Amino acid sequence: MAATGAVCSGSASTPWSWAAPAGTHAPLVLDIANTGVARGKIYLARQRGQAIPEGWAINAEGAPTIDPQEAIDGIILPMAQHKGYAISVAMDMLSGVLTGSAFGSGVHGPYQAQERSGAGHLMIALDIAAFQPIEGFGARMDAMIAGLKAVPLAQGYDAVFYPGEIEARNDADHRRAGLQLPDDTLDDLRTLAGEIGIADRLPFS
């Protein structure tokens, strides 16, 4: 996004993303799915042979399940129950129906490589300068974030973070030390590299 714009986007699989410059802070960024958990975590649980927590999904018959394969074959439950369901439908209308893309069951995710995706995207960019001077917006964002951080902390917590702050800190760490991948991801990369004959070219052991 441009430094002077705020962006909202959604896709037919119902995620949405919001971003805005945040004064002297790293940009405020919210990038979430409208499900209670990201589908990738269910695939990771299947890969590791682990059960998933209750409340994440239902199976194809509509019964609660803790089996990741049943969850993949069934439905990942929306966040906030009926509210998440309603938001998902609205996002599907905006990014699927409105854009002329696929919607509902016509959309196929990245884990269904044998199918054409059909996913659509709606992007709306707002020119902050059309509403108020950029400097004033930045100062107001600083004030808003200061207000968030001034809230009394819940027991057991050390700080209040605004959306995107933790990711910005992690990004800075990655630029200094390089991207830290989980051990199971490294194992998968080693296996794949061996299968295609480039194991000796991996930048890690």
N, C-alpha and C. Protein backbone atom coordinates (compact mmCIF):
# COMPACT_ATOMS: atom_id res chain seq x y z
N MET A 1 0.82 -1.19 0.00
CA MET A 1 0.00 0.00 0.00
C MET A 1 0.86 1.24 0.00
N ALA A 2 0.33 2.32 -0.53
CA ALA A 2 1.06 3.58 -0.53
C ALA A 2 1.11 4.13 0.89
N ALA A 3 2.12 4.94 1.14
CA ALA A 3 2.30 5.47 2.49
C ALA A 3 1.16 6.38 2.90
N THR A 4 0.40 6.89 1.92
CA THR A 4 -0.68 7.81 2.24
C THR A 4 -2.05 7.17 2.13
N GLY A 5 -2.11 5.87 1.99
CA GLY A 5 -3.40 5.23 1.80
C GLY A 5 -3.67 4.14 2.81
N ALA A 6 -4.94 3.89 3.05
CA ALA A 6 -5.36 2.75 3.86
C ALA A 6 -6.03 1.76 2.92
N VAL A 7 -5.84 0.48 3.15
CA VAL A 7 -6.30 -0.53 2.22
C VAL A 7 -7.19 -1.53 2.92
N CYS A 8 -8.26 -1.93 2.27
CA CYS A 8 -9.12 -3.01 2.75
C CYS A 8 -9.29 -3.99 1.61
N SER A 9 -9.13 -5.27 1.86
CA SER A 9 -9.35 -6.25 0.80
C SER A 9 -9.93 -7.52 1.39
N GLY A 10 -10.58 -8.31 0.54
CA GLY A 10 -11.10 -9.59 0.98
C GLY A 10 -11.05 -10.57 -0.17
N SER A 11 -11.15 -11.86 0.10
CA SER A 11 -11.18 -12.84 -0.98
C SER A 11 -12.38 -13.74 -0.78
N ALA A 12 -12.69 -14.52 -1.81
CA ALA A 12 -13.88 -15.34 -1.78
C ALA A 12 -13.83 -16.40 -0.70
N SER A 13 -12.64 -16.74 -0.20
CA SER A 13 -12.54 -17.70 0.89
C SER A 13 -12.69 -17.01 2.25
N THR A 14 -13.08 -15.76 2.25
CA THR A 14 -13.51 -14.95 3.38
C THR A 14 -12.47 -14.30 4.25
N PRO A 15 -11.15 -14.41 3.99
CA PRO A 15 -10.22 -13.60 4.78
C PRO A 15 -10.40 -12.12 4.45
N TRP A 16 -9.93 -11.27 5.34
CA TRP A 16 -9.86 -9.85 5.02
C TRP A 16 -8.61 -9.23 5.62
N SER A 17 -8.17 -8.16 4.98
CA SER A 17 -6.95 -7.49 5.40
C SER A 17 -7.20 -5.98 5.45
N TRP A 18 -6.70 -5.36 6.51
CA TRP A 18 -6.79 -3.91 6.67
C TRP A 18 -5.40 -3.40 7.03
N ALA A 19 -5.01 -2.28 6.47
CA ALA A 19 -3.72 -1.70 6.82
C ALA A 19 -3.80 -0.19 6.73
N ALA A 20 -3.08 0.49 7.61
CA ALA A 20 -3.03 1.95 7.61
C ALA A 20 -1.71 2.41 8.20
N PRO A 21 -1.15 3.52 7.71
CA PRO A 21 0.03 4.07 8.37
C PRO A 21 -0.31 4.48 9.78
N ALA A 22 0.65 4.37 10.68
CA ALA A 22 0.36 4.55 12.11
C ALA A 22 1.28 5.58 12.75
N GLY A 23 1.42 6.73 12.12
CA GLY A 23 2.23 7.79 12.71
C GLY A 23 3.67 7.38 12.84
N THR A 24 4.20 7.46 14.05
CA THR A 24 5.60 7.12 14.28
C THR A 24 5.80 5.62 14.47
N HIS A 25 4.74 4.85 14.43
CA HIS A 25 4.80 3.41 14.66
C HIS A 25 4.82 2.66 13.33
N ALA A 26 5.13 1.37 13.40
CA ALA A 26 4.97 0.51 12.23
C ALA A 26 3.49 0.49 11.84
N PRO A 27 3.16 0.23 10.56
CA PRO A 27 1.76 0.27 10.13
C PRO A 27 0.85 -0.62 10.97
N LEU A 28 -0.38 -0.17 11.13
CA LEU A 28 -1.42 -0.98 11.76
C LEU A 28 -1.92 -1.95 10.71
N VAL A 29 -1.84 -3.24 10.96
CA VAL A 29 -2.21 -4.26 9.97
C VAL A 29 -3.04 -5.34 10.64
N LEU A 30 -4.19 -5.64 10.06
CA LEU A 30 -5.02 -6.76 10.50
C LEU A 30 -5.25 -7.65 9.30
N ASP A 31 -4.83 -8.90 9.37
CA ASP A 31 -4.95 -9.85 8.26
C ASP A 31 -5.44 -11.16 8.85
N ILE A 32 -6.72 -11.44 8.71
CA ILE A 32 -7.31 -12.60 9.39
C ILE A 32 -8.28 -13.34 8.48
N ALA A 33 -8.50 -14.60 8.79
CA ALA A 33 -9.61 -15.36 8.22
C ALA A 33 -10.80 -15.21 9.15
N ASN A 34 -11.98 -15.45 8.62
CA ASN A 34 -13.18 -15.38 9.45
C ASN A 34 -13.53 -16.72 10.09
N THR A 35 -12.63 -17.68 9.96
CA THR A 35 -12.79 -18.94 10.67
C THR A 35 -12.14 -18.82 12.06
N GLY A 36 -12.50 -19.71 12.95
CA GLY A 36 -11.94 -19.67 14.29
C GLY A 36 -10.46 -20.00 14.32
N VAL A 37 -9.98 -20.69 13.28
CA VAL A 37 -8.56 -21.06 13.20
C VAL A 37 -8.18 -21.13 11.72
N ALA A 38 -6.93 -20.84 11.40
CA ALA A 38 -6.47 -20.93 10.02
C ALA A 38 -6.46 -22.39 9.57
N ARG A 39 -6.90 -22.62 8.33
CA ARG A 39 -6.95 -23.99 7.81
C ARG A 39 -5.57 -24.64 7.82
N GLY A 40 -4.52 -23.83 7.63
CA GLY A 40 -3.17 -24.39 7.63
C GLY A 40 -2.82 -25.10 8.92
N LYS A 41 -3.38 -24.63 10.05
CA LYS A 41 -3.10 -25.29 11.33
C LYS A 41 -3.72 -26.68 11.38
N ILE A 42 -4.81 -26.87 10.66
CA ILE A 42 -5.43 -28.20 10.62
C ILE A 42 -4.59 -29.15 9.78
N TYR A 43 -4.07 -28.63 8.66
CA TYR A 43 -3.18 -29.45 7.84
C TYR A 43 -1.90 -29.79 8.60
N LEU A 44 -1.41 -28.85 9.39
CA LEU A 44 -0.20 -29.11 10.18
C LEU A 44 -0.47 -30.18 11.22
N ALA A 45 -1.64 -30.14 11.85
CA ALA A 45 -2.00 -31.17 12.83
C ALA A 45 -2.08 -32.54 12.17
N ARG A 46 -2.65 -32.60 10.96
CA ARG A 46 -2.70 -33.88 10.24
C ARG A 46 -1.30 -34.38 9.94
N GLN A 47 -0.43 -33.48 9.50
CA GLN A 47 0.94 -33.86 9.16
C GLN A 47 1.66 -34.42 10.38
N ARG A 48 1.37 -33.86 11.56
CA ARG A 48 2.04 -34.29 12.78
C ARG A 48 1.32 -35.44 13.49
N GLY A 49 0.17 -35.86 12.95
CA GLY A 49 -0.58 -36.93 13.57
C GLY A 49 -1.22 -36.53 14.89
N GLN A 50 -1.58 -35.26 15.00
CA GLN A 50 -2.15 -34.74 16.24
C GLN A 50 -3.64 -34.48 16.09
N ALA A 51 -4.35 -34.57 17.21
CA ALA A 51 -5.76 -34.18 17.24
C ALA A 51 -5.85 -32.65 17.28
N ILE A 52 -6.98 -32.13 16.85
CA ILE A 52 -7.21 -30.69 16.95
C ILE A 52 -8.15 -30.41 18.11
N PRO A 53 -8.12 -29.20 18.67
CA PRO A 53 -8.99 -28.90 19.80
C PRO A 53 -10.48 -28.94 19.41
N GLU A 54 -11.31 -29.26 20.36
CA GLU A 54 -12.75 -29.20 20.13
C GLU A 54 -13.16 -27.77 19.82
N GLY A 55 -14.12 -27.62 18.94
CA GLY A 55 -14.61 -26.30 18.59
C GLY A 55 -13.98 -25.71 17.34
N TRP A 56 -12.96 -26.39 16.80
CA TRP A 56 -12.33 -25.88 15.58
C TRP A 56 -13.13 -26.24 14.34
N ALA A 57 -13.76 -27.40 14.31
CA ALA A 57 -14.36 -27.87 13.07
C ALA A 57 -15.47 -28.88 13.35
N ILE A 58 -16.27 -29.12 12.31
CA ILE A 58 -17.24 -30.21 12.30
C ILE A 58 -16.95 -31.08 11.09
N ASN A 59 -17.37 -32.34 11.14
CA ASN A 59 -17.13 -33.25 10.02
C ASN A 59 -18.19 -33.09 8.95
N ALA A 60 -18.12 -33.92 7.92
CA ALA A 60 -19.03 -33.79 6.78
C ALA A 60 -20.48 -34.05 7.17
N GLU A 61 -20.70 -34.73 8.30
CA GLU A 61 -22.05 -35.00 8.77
C GLU A 61 -22.56 -33.92 9.73
N GLY A 62 -21.71 -32.92 10.00
CA GLY A 62 -22.12 -31.83 10.88
C GLY A 62 -21.88 -32.08 12.35
N ALA A 63 -21.12 -33.13 12.69
CA ALA A 63 -20.84 -33.44 14.09
C ALA A 63 -19.47 -32.87 14.48
N PRO A 64 -19.30 -32.44 15.74
CA PRO A 64 -17.99 -31.95 16.18
C PRO A 64 -16.92 -33.02 16.00
N THR A 65 -15.71 -32.60 15.67
CA THR A 65 -14.62 -33.55 15.46
C THR A 65 -13.31 -32.98 15.98
N ILE A 66 -12.43 -33.87 16.42
CA ILE A 66 -11.06 -33.49 16.77
C ILE A 66 -10.07 -34.15 15.82
N ASP A 67 -10.61 -34.82 14.77
CA ASP A 67 -9.77 -35.47 13.76
C ASP A 67 -9.48 -34.49 12.64
N PRO A 68 -8.20 -34.17 12.38
CA PRO A 68 -7.89 -33.15 11.37
C PRO A 68 -8.37 -33.52 9.97
N GLN A 69 -8.31 -34.80 9.59
CA GLN A 69 -8.78 -35.19 8.27
C GLN A 69 -10.29 -35.00 8.16
N GLU A 70 -11.03 -35.35 9.21
CA GLU A 70 -12.47 -35.11 9.19
C GLU A 70 -12.77 -33.62 9.10
N ALA A 71 -11.94 -32.81 9.74
CA ALA A 71 -12.13 -31.36 9.68
C ALA A 71 -11.90 -30.85 8.26
N ILE A 72 -10.86 -31.36 7.60
CA ILE A 72 -10.56 -30.95 6.23
C ILE A 72 -11.69 -31.35 5.29
N ASP A 73 -12.26 -32.54 5.52
CA ASP A 73 -13.36 -33.02 4.69
C ASP A 73 -14.68 -32.36 5.08
N GLY A 74 -14.72 -31.75 6.26
CA GLY A 74 -15.94 -31.11 6.74
C GLY A 74 -15.88 -29.60 6.61
N ILE A 75 -16.12 -28.90 7.74
CA ILE A 75 -16.17 -27.44 7.73
C ILE A 75 -15.38 -26.89 8.90
N ILE A 76 -14.50 -25.92 8.61
CA ILE A 76 -13.81 -25.19 9.66
C ILE A 76 -14.81 -24.16 10.20
N LEU A 77 -15.04 -24.14 11.48
CA LEU A 77 -16.10 -23.30 12.05
C LEU A 77 -15.72 -21.83 12.03
N PRO A 78 -16.70 -20.95 11.84
CA PRO A 78 -16.42 -19.51 11.82
C PRO A 78 -16.10 -18.98 13.21
N MET A 79 -15.35 -17.89 13.25
CA MET A 79 -15.12 -17.22 14.52
C MET A 79 -16.42 -16.57 14.97
N ALA A 80 -16.57 -16.40 16.25
CA ALA A 80 -17.71 -15.68 16.83
C ALA A 80 -19.06 -16.25 16.40
N GLN A 81 -19.09 -17.53 16.09
CA GLN A 81 -20.34 -18.23 15.78
C GLN A 81 -21.13 -17.53 14.68
N HIS A 82 -22.36 -17.09 14.96
CA HIS A 82 -23.20 -16.52 13.91
C HIS A 82 -22.64 -15.22 13.36
N LYS A 83 -21.88 -14.47 14.18
CA LYS A 83 -21.30 -13.20 13.69
C LYS A 83 -20.23 -13.47 12.64
N GLY A 84 -19.36 -14.45 12.93
CA GLY A 84 -18.34 -14.80 11.95
C GLY A 84 -18.95 -15.35 10.68
N TYR A 85 -20.01 -16.15 10.82
CA TYR A 85 -20.71 -16.67 9.64
C TYR A 85 -21.24 -15.51 8.78
N ALA A 86 -21.87 -14.53 9.42
CA ALA A 86 -22.45 -13.41 8.68
C ALA A 86 -21.36 -12.58 7.99
N ILE A 87 -20.24 -12.35 8.69
CA ILE A 87 -19.13 -11.62 8.07
C ILE A 87 -18.58 -12.39 6.88
N SER A 88 -18.46 -13.71 7.01
CA SER A 88 -17.95 -14.53 5.91
C SER A 88 -18.86 -14.42 4.69
N VAL A 89 -20.16 -14.44 4.90
CA VAL A 89 -21.11 -14.33 3.79
C VAL A 89 -20.96 -12.96 3.11
N ALA A 90 -20.85 -11.90 3.92
CA ALA A 90 -20.68 -10.56 3.36
C ALA A 90 -19.40 -10.45 2.55
N MET A 91 -18.31 -11.02 3.05
CA MET A 91 -17.04 -10.98 2.32
C MET A 91 -17.13 -11.79 1.04
N ASP A 92 -17.86 -12.91 1.06
CA ASP A 92 -18.03 -13.72 -0.13
C ASP A 92 -18.82 -12.95 -1.18
N MET A 93 -19.81 -12.18 -0.73
CA MET A 93 -20.58 -11.35 -1.66
C MET A 93 -19.69 -10.30 -2.31
N LEU A 94 -18.85 -9.63 -1.50
CA LEU A 94 -18.02 -8.54 -2.02
C LEU A 94 -16.93 -9.04 -2.96
N SER A 95 -16.22 -10.10 -2.55
CA SER A 95 -15.07 -10.53 -3.32
C SER A 95 -15.40 -11.63 -4.33
N GLY A 96 -16.51 -12.30 -4.16
CA GLY A 96 -16.90 -13.36 -5.09
C GLY A 96 -18.00 -12.92 -6.04
N VAL A 97 -19.18 -12.66 -5.50
CA VAL A 97 -20.33 -12.31 -6.34
C VAL A 97 -20.09 -10.99 -7.07
N LEU A 98 -19.71 -9.94 -6.33
CA LEU A 98 -19.56 -8.60 -6.92
C LEU A 98 -18.47 -8.56 -7.99
N THR A 99 -17.35 -9.26 -7.77
CA THR A 99 -16.23 -9.19 -8.73
C THR A 99 -16.39 -10.15 -9.90
N GLY A 100 -17.43 -10.96 -9.89
CA GLY A 100 -17.61 -11.92 -10.97
C GLY A 100 -16.79 -13.18 -10.80
N SER A 101 -16.20 -13.37 -9.62
CA SER A 101 -15.39 -14.56 -9.34
C SER A 101 -16.27 -15.66 -8.77
N ALA A 102 -15.65 -16.78 -8.43
CA ALA A 102 -16.39 -17.88 -7.82
C ALA A 102 -16.78 -17.50 -6.40
N PHE A 103 -17.76 -18.18 -5.85
CA PHE A 103 -18.19 -17.95 -4.48
C PHE A 103 -18.70 -19.26 -3.89
N GLY A 104 -18.83 -19.28 -2.56
CA GLY A 104 -19.31 -20.48 -1.89
C GLY A 104 -18.45 -21.69 -2.20
N SER A 105 -19.09 -22.79 -2.52
CA SER A 105 -18.36 -24.04 -2.77
C SER A 105 -17.58 -24.01 -4.08
N GLY A 106 -17.77 -22.96 -4.89
CA GLY A 106 -17.02 -22.85 -6.13
C GLY A 106 -15.58 -22.42 -5.94
N VAL A 107 -15.24 -21.98 -4.72
CA VAL A 107 -13.88 -21.53 -4.44
C VAL A 107 -13.05 -22.70 -3.91
N HIS A 108 -11.82 -22.84 -4.42
CA HIS A 108 -10.93 -23.90 -3.96
C HIS A 108 -9.65 -23.27 -3.43
N GLY A 109 -9.22 -23.74 -2.26
CA GLY A 109 -8.08 -23.15 -1.57
C GLY A 109 -6.75 -23.69 -2.05
N PRO A 110 -5.66 -23.18 -1.48
CA PRO A 110 -4.31 -23.56 -1.91
C PRO A 110 -3.97 -25.02 -1.62
N TYR A 111 -4.74 -25.68 -0.76
CA TYR A 111 -4.48 -27.09 -0.47
C TYR A 111 -5.24 -28.02 -1.41
N GLN A 112 -5.92 -27.43 -2.40
CA GLN A 112 -6.66 -28.21 -3.40
C GLN A 112 -6.06 -27.92 -4.77
N ALA A 113 -4.80 -28.28 -4.93
CA ALA A 113 -4.04 -27.90 -6.12
C ALA A 113 -4.61 -28.51 -7.39
N GLN A 114 -5.42 -29.56 -7.29
CA GLN A 114 -5.97 -30.19 -8.48
C GLN A 114 -7.14 -29.40 -9.05
N GLU A 115 -7.62 -28.39 -8.34
CA GLU A 115 -8.76 -27.59 -8.78
C GLU A 115 -8.32 -26.16 -9.11
N ARG A 116 -9.02 -25.53 -10.03
CA ARG A 116 -8.80 -24.11 -10.29
C ARG A 116 -9.34 -23.32 -9.11
N SER A 117 -8.60 -22.32 -8.65
CA SER A 117 -8.95 -21.60 -7.43
C SER A 117 -10.31 -20.92 -7.51
N GLY A 118 -10.50 -20.08 -8.48
CA GLY A 118 -11.75 -19.34 -8.58
C GLY A 118 -11.88 -18.19 -7.60
N ALA A 119 -10.89 -18.01 -6.72
CA ALA A 119 -10.98 -16.99 -5.67
C ALA A 119 -10.91 -15.59 -6.28
N GLY A 120 -11.70 -14.70 -5.75
CA GLY A 120 -11.69 -13.31 -6.18
C GLY A 120 -11.20 -12.41 -5.07
N HIS A 121 -10.86 -11.18 -5.43
CA HIS A 121 -10.36 -10.21 -4.45
C HIS A 121 -11.02 -8.86 -4.71
N LEU A 122 -11.43 -8.21 -3.66
CA LEU A 122 -11.91 -6.84 -3.74
C LEU A 122 -10.95 -5.97 -2.95
N MET A 123 -10.42 -4.93 -3.58
CA MET A 123 -9.48 -4.04 -2.90
C MET A 123 -10.00 -2.61 -2.98
N ILE A 124 -10.01 -1.92 -1.85
CA ILE A 124 -10.45 -0.54 -1.77
C ILE A 124 -9.33 0.27 -1.12
N ALA A 125 -8.84 1.28 -1.82
CA ALA A 125 -7.80 2.15 -1.27
C ALA A 125 -8.40 3.52 -0.97
N LEU A 126 -8.15 4.01 0.23
CA LEU A 126 -8.66 5.31 0.66
C LEU A 126 -7.51 6.31 0.73
N ASP A 127 -7.67 7.45 0.09
CA ASP A 127 -6.67 8.50 0.13
C ASP A 127 -6.87 9.32 1.41
N ILE A 128 -5.99 9.12 2.37
CA ILE A 128 -6.13 9.79 3.67
C ILE A 128 -6.17 11.31 3.49
N ALA A 129 -5.39 11.82 2.54
CA ALA A 129 -5.33 13.26 2.35
C ALA A 129 -6.66 13.85 1.92
N ALA A 130 -7.57 13.03 1.39
CA ALA A 130 -8.89 13.52 1.02
C ALA A 130 -9.77 13.74 2.25
N PHE A 131 -9.36 13.18 3.39
CA PHE A 131 -10.11 13.32 4.61
C PHE A 131 -9.50 14.35 5.56
N GLN A 132 -8.15 14.33 5.63
CA GLN A 132 -7.44 15.23 6.54
C GLN A 132 -5.96 15.24 6.16
N PRO A 133 -5.20 16.21 6.62
CA PRO A 133 -3.76 16.22 6.32
C PRO A 133 -3.07 14.96 6.85
N ILE A 134 -2.12 14.47 6.09
CA ILE A 134 -1.41 13.25 6.47
C ILE A 134 -0.76 13.38 7.84
N GLU A 135 -0.14 14.53 8.09
CA GLU A 135 0.52 14.73 9.38
C GLU A 135 -0.47 14.65 10.53
N GLY A 136 -1.65 15.22 10.34
CA GLY A 136 -2.67 15.15 11.39
C GLY A 136 -3.14 13.73 11.63
N PHE A 137 -3.29 12.96 10.54
CA PHE A 137 -3.69 11.56 10.68
C PHE A 137 -2.64 10.79 11.47
N GLY A 138 -1.36 11.02 11.13
CA GLY A 138 -0.29 10.33 11.85
C GLY A 138 -0.29 10.66 13.32
N ALA A 139 -0.51 11.92 13.66
CA ALA A 139 -0.55 12.33 15.07
C ALA A 139 -1.74 11.68 15.79
N ARG A 140 -2.86 11.61 15.10
CA ARG A 140 -4.05 10.98 15.72
C ARG A 140 -3.85 9.48 15.90
N MET A 141 -3.15 8.84 14.94
CA MET A 141 -2.84 7.42 15.11
C MET A 141 -1.92 7.21 16.30
N ASP A 142 -0.91 8.09 16.45
CA ASP A 142 -0.03 8.00 17.62
C ASP A 142 -0.84 8.09 18.91
N ALA A 143 -1.80 9.01 18.93
CA ALA A 143 -2.63 9.20 20.13
C ALA A 143 -3.50 7.98 20.38
N MET A 144 -4.06 7.39 19.31
CA MET A 144 -4.90 6.21 19.49
C MET A 144 -4.09 5.05 20.05
N ILE A 145 -2.88 4.83 19.48
CA ILE A 145 -2.05 3.72 19.94
C ILE A 145 -1.59 3.97 21.38
N ALA A 146 -1.28 5.21 21.71
CA ALA A 146 -0.91 5.53 23.09
C ALA A 146 -2.04 5.20 24.04
N GLY A 147 -3.28 5.48 23.61
CA GLY A 147 -4.43 5.15 24.44
C GLY A 147 -4.59 3.65 24.64
N LEU A 148 -4.35 2.88 23.57
CA LEU A 148 -4.43 1.42 23.69
C LEU A 148 -3.41 0.90 24.70
N LYS A 149 -2.19 1.45 24.63
CA LYS A 149 -1.12 0.96 25.48
C LYS A 149 -1.25 1.45 26.92
N ALA A 150 -2.09 2.46 27.15
CA ALA A 150 -2.28 2.98 28.51
C ALA A 150 -3.33 2.20 29.29
N VAL A 151 -4.02 1.27 28.62
CA VAL A 151 -5.06 0.49 29.31
C VAL A 151 -4.40 -0.41 30.36
N PRO A 152 -4.98 -0.50 31.56
CA PRO A 152 -4.41 -1.40 32.58
C PRO A 152 -4.28 -2.83 32.06
N LEU A 153 -3.18 -3.48 32.39
CA LEU A 153 -2.90 -4.81 31.87
C LEU A 153 -3.69 -5.88 32.60
N ALA A 154 -4.11 -6.89 31.87
CA ALA A 154 -4.71 -8.07 32.49
C ALA A 154 -3.63 -8.85 33.24
N GLN A 155 -4.04 -9.63 34.22
CA GLN A 155 -3.08 -10.39 35.01
C GLN A 155 -2.30 -11.34 34.10
N GLY A 156 -0.98 -11.35 34.29
CA GLY A 156 -0.13 -12.26 33.54
C GLY A 156 0.36 -11.71 32.22
N TYR A 157 0.04 -10.45 31.91
CA TYR A 157 0.47 -9.87 30.63
C TYR A 157 1.35 -8.66 30.88
N ASP A 158 2.27 -8.42 29.94
CA ASP A 158 3.27 -7.37 30.11
C ASP A 158 3.02 -6.14 29.25
N ALA A 159 2.20 -6.26 28.20
CA ALA A 159 2.02 -5.13 27.29
C ALA A 159 0.75 -5.31 26.48
N VAL A 160 0.26 -4.20 25.94
CA VAL A 160 -0.84 -4.20 24.98
C VAL A 160 -0.25 -3.91 23.60
N PHE A 161 -0.57 -4.73 22.62
CA PHE A 161 -0.07 -4.56 21.26
C PHE A 161 -1.21 -4.13 20.35
N TYR A 162 -0.91 -3.28 19.39
CA TYR A 162 -1.90 -2.95 18.38
C TYR A 162 -1.73 -3.91 17.20
N PRO A 163 -2.74 -4.11 16.37
CA PRO A 163 -2.64 -5.07 15.27
C PRO A 163 -1.47 -4.75 14.34
N GLY A 164 -0.62 -5.72 14.11
CA GLY A 164 0.53 -5.56 13.23
C GLY A 164 1.84 -5.28 13.96
N GLU A 165 1.77 -4.92 15.24
CA GLU A 165 2.99 -4.55 15.98
C GLU A 165 3.92 -5.74 16.17
N ILE A 166 3.37 -6.87 16.59
CA ILE A 166 4.20 -8.05 16.83
C ILE A 166 4.85 -8.51 15.53
N GLU A 167 4.06 -8.50 14.44
CA GLU A 167 4.59 -8.91 13.14
C GLU A 167 5.71 -7.98 12.68
N ALA A 168 5.55 -6.67 12.94
CA ALA A 168 6.59 -5.72 12.56
C ALA A 168 7.87 -5.99 13.33
N ARG A 169 7.75 -6.31 14.61
CA ARG A 169 8.94 -6.63 15.41
C ARG A 169 9.61 -7.90 14.88
N ASN A 170 8.79 -8.91 14.56
CA ASN A 170 9.35 -10.15 14.03
C ASN A 170 10.04 -9.92 12.70
N ASP A 171 9.45 -9.05 11.86
CA ASP A 171 10.05 -8.74 10.57
C ASP A 171 11.42 -8.10 10.75
N ALA A 172 11.54 -7.21 11.72
CA ALA A 172 12.84 -6.58 11.99
C ALA A 172 13.86 -7.62 12.44
N ASP A 173 13.41 -8.56 13.28
CA ASP A 173 14.30 -9.63 13.74
C ASP A 173 14.75 -10.50 12.56
N HIS A 174 13.81 -10.79 11.64
CA HIS A 174 14.15 -11.64 10.48
C HIS A 174 15.16 -10.95 9.58
N ARG A 175 15.06 -9.62 9.44
CA ARG A 175 16.02 -8.91 8.61
C ARG A 175 17.41 -8.97 9.20
N ARG A 176 17.48 -9.01 10.55
CA ARG A 176 18.79 -9.07 11.20
C ARG A 176 19.36 -10.48 11.21
N ALA A 177 18.52 -11.46 11.53
CA ALA A 177 19.01 -12.82 11.77
C ALA A 177 18.61 -13.82 10.70
N GLY A 178 17.76 -13.41 9.75
CA GLY A 178 17.26 -14.36 8.76
C GLY A 178 15.98 -15.02 9.22
N LEU A 179 15.24 -15.58 8.30
CA LEU A 179 13.97 -16.22 8.60
C LEU A 179 14.19 -17.52 9.35
N GLN A 180 13.52 -17.67 10.48
CA GLN A 180 13.64 -18.88 11.29
C GLN A 180 12.45 -19.80 10.99
N LEU A 181 12.72 -20.92 10.32
CA LEU A 181 11.67 -21.86 9.96
C LEU A 181 11.55 -22.96 11.00
N PRO A 182 10.31 -23.46 11.25
CA PRO A 182 10.12 -24.57 12.19
C PRO A 182 10.86 -25.81 11.72
N ASP A 183 11.24 -26.66 12.67
CA ASP A 183 12.01 -27.87 12.33
C ASP A 183 11.27 -28.76 11.35
N ASP A 184 9.93 -28.90 11.51
CA ASP A 184 9.20 -29.78 10.61
C ASP A 184 9.17 -29.23 9.19
N THR A 185 9.16 -27.90 9.04
CA THR A 185 9.22 -27.30 7.70
C THR A 185 10.59 -27.56 7.08
N LEU A 186 11.66 -27.43 7.86
CA LEU A 186 13.00 -27.72 7.36
C LEU A 186 13.12 -29.18 6.93
N ASP A 187 12.52 -30.08 7.72
CA ASP A 187 12.55 -31.50 7.36
C ASP A 187 11.85 -31.74 6.03
N ASP A 188 10.70 -31.08 5.84
CA ASP A 188 9.96 -31.23 4.58
C ASP A 188 10.78 -30.71 3.41
N LEU A 189 11.47 -29.59 3.60
CA LEU A 189 12.30 -29.03 2.53
C LEU A 189 13.46 -29.96 2.19
N ARG A 190 14.07 -30.56 3.23
CA ARG A 190 15.16 -31.51 2.99
C ARG A 190 14.66 -32.72 2.18
N THR A 191 13.47 -33.22 2.56
CA THR A 191 12.90 -34.37 1.86
C THR A 191 12.63 -34.02 0.40
N LEU A 192 12.01 -32.87 0.18
CA LEU A 192 11.70 -32.46 -1.19
C LEU A 192 12.97 -32.24 -2.00
N ALA A 193 13.98 -31.61 -1.39
CA ALA A 193 15.24 -31.37 -2.09
C ALA A 193 15.90 -32.68 -2.48
N GLY A 194 15.82 -33.67 -1.59
CA GLY A 194 16.38 -34.98 -1.91
C GLY A 194 15.65 -35.65 -3.05
N GLU A 195 14.31 -35.49 -3.10
CA GLU A 195 13.52 -36.12 -4.15
C GLU A 195 13.82 -35.55 -5.52
N ILE A 196 14.17 -34.26 -5.58
CA ILE A 196 14.43 -33.64 -6.88
C ILE A 196 15.93 -33.44 -7.14
N GLY A 197 16.77 -33.99 -6.24
CA GLY A 197 18.21 -34.03 -6.49
C GLY A 197 18.97 -32.75 -6.26
N ILE A 198 18.51 -31.92 -5.35
CA ILE A 198 19.24 -30.67 -5.08
C ILE A 198 19.58 -30.54 -3.59
N ALA A 199 19.65 -31.66 -2.88
CA ALA A 199 19.90 -31.59 -1.44
C ALA A 199 21.23 -30.90 -1.12
N ASP A 200 22.22 -31.05 -2.01
CA ASP A 200 23.53 -30.46 -1.76
C ASP A 200 23.54 -28.94 -1.97
N ARG A 201 22.45 -28.40 -2.49
CA ARG A 201 22.38 -26.96 -2.76
C ARG A 201 21.56 -26.20 -1.72
N LEU A 202 21.09 -26.90 -0.71
CA LEU A 202 20.30 -26.22 0.33
C LEU A 202 21.20 -25.29 1.14
N PRO A 203 20.69 -24.10 1.51
CA PRO A 203 21.49 -23.14 2.28
C PRO A 203 21.53 -23.46 3.77
N PHE A 204 21.01 -24.63 4.16
CA PHE A 204 21.04 -25.05 5.55
C PHE A 204 21.32 -26.53 5.60
N SER A 205 21.82 -26.99 6.73
CA SER A 205 22.21 -28.40 6.84
C SER A 205 21.02 -29.23 7.31
